[in-house]
Protein backbone atom coordinates (compact mmCIF):
# COMPACT_ATOMS: atom_id res chain seq x y z
CA MET A 1 0.00 0.00 0.00
CA VAL A 2 1.43 3.37 -0.99
CA LYS A 3 0.43 6.36 1.16
CA LYS A 4 1.19 10.07 1.04
CA LEU A 5 1.65 12.36 4.00
CA THR A 6 -1.00 15.03 4.60
CA LYS A 7 -0.50 18.51 6.02
CA HIS A 8 -1.61 18.83 9.66
CA GLY A 9 -0.87 22.32 10.97
CA ASN A 10 2.90 22.82 10.71
CA SER A 11 3.47 19.06 10.64
CA LEU A 12 2.82 16.13 8.33
CA ALA A 13 0.52 13.24 9.22
CA LEU A 14 0.23 9.68 8.01
CA VAL A 15 -3.40 8.55 7.85
CA ILE A 16 -3.78 4.86 8.67
CA ASP A 17 -6.80 3.12 7.14
CA ARG A 18 -9.44 1.60 9.44
CA PRO A 19 -8.85 -2.07 8.36
CA ILE A 20 -5.20 -1.81 9.42
CA LEU A 21 -6.15 -0.15 12.72
CA ASP A 22 -8.70 -2.89 13.38
CA LEU A 23 -6.24 -5.64 12.50
CA LEU A 24 -3.66 -4.27 14.94
CA LYS A 25 -6.30 -3.31 17.55
CA ILE A 26 -5.20 0.33 17.53
CA ASP A 27 -7.58 3.02 18.76
CA PRO A 28 -7.07 6.71 19.60
CA ASP A 29 -5.82 5.78 23.10
CA THR A 30 -3.23 3.23 21.93
CA PRO A 31 0.34 4.42 22.54
CA LEU A 32 2.51 3.92 19.46
CA ASP A 33 6.26 3.34 19.26
CA VAL A 34 7.72 5.28 16.32
CA SER A 35 11.29 4.30 15.42
CA THR A 36 13.62 3.91 12.47
CA ASP A 37 16.46 1.65 11.42
CA GLY A 38 17.92 4.50 9.36
CA LYS A 39 16.14 3.43 6.18
CA GLN A 40 12.58 2.65 7.24
CA LEU A 41 9.99 4.22 9.50
CA ILE A 42 8.55 1.69 11.94
CA VAL A 43 5.24 2.36 13.73
CA ALA A 44 3.98 -0.28 16.16
CA PRO A 45 1.68 -0.45 19.19
CA VAL A 46 3.64 -0.29 22.43
CA LYS A 47 3.82 -3.70 24.06
CA GLN A 48 3.07 -3.67 27.78
CA SER A 49 5.67 -5.36 29.92
CA ALA A 50 4.62 -8.18 32.25
CA ARG A 51 5.53 -5.95 35.19
CA ARG A 52 3.21 -3.18 33.92
CA LYS A 53 0.36 -5.68 33.45
CA LYS A 54 0.77 -6.89 37.05
CA PHE A 55 0.85 -3.31 38.32
CA ASP A 56 -2.32 -2.38 36.40
CA ALA A 57 -4.12 -5.47 37.72
CA ALA A 58 -3.08 -4.69 41.32
CA GLN A 59 -4.17 -1.07 40.93
CA GLU A 60 -7.56 -2.10 39.58
CA LEU A 61 -8.04 -4.56 42.45
CA ALA A 62 -7.12 -1.87 45.00
CA HIS A 63 -9.63 0.54 43.49
CA LYS A 64 -12.36 -2.11 43.57
CA ARG A 65 -11.66 -3.02 47.20
CA TYR A 66 -10.76 0.37 48.65
CA GLY A 67 -12.12 2.91 46.17
CA LYS A 68 -14.59 4.41 48.65
CA ALA A 69 -11.89 4.73 51.33
CA PHE A 70 -9.52 6.37 48.83
CA LYS A 71 -12.23 8.86 47.92
CA LYS A 72 -12.89 9.74 51.58
CA LEU A 73 -9.17 10.17 52.22
CA ALA A 74 -8.89 12.48 49.23
CA GLU A 75 -11.63 14.76 50.58
């Protein structure tokens, strides 16, 4: 697939078609890693580390169990 960059303010933007976004499960909130090997531009969804997944799960559990207490403490 050949694409052209489009003007976006003072920058250029690459518009990614919906089928590709759906295939890669990318939405507006998905962080993307943009890198290069010196010859190619590489854009890929950021992979969460196992440590980050564990942290997110623990944080969610804490909010479920103690969310009301956290809210009272914040007030």
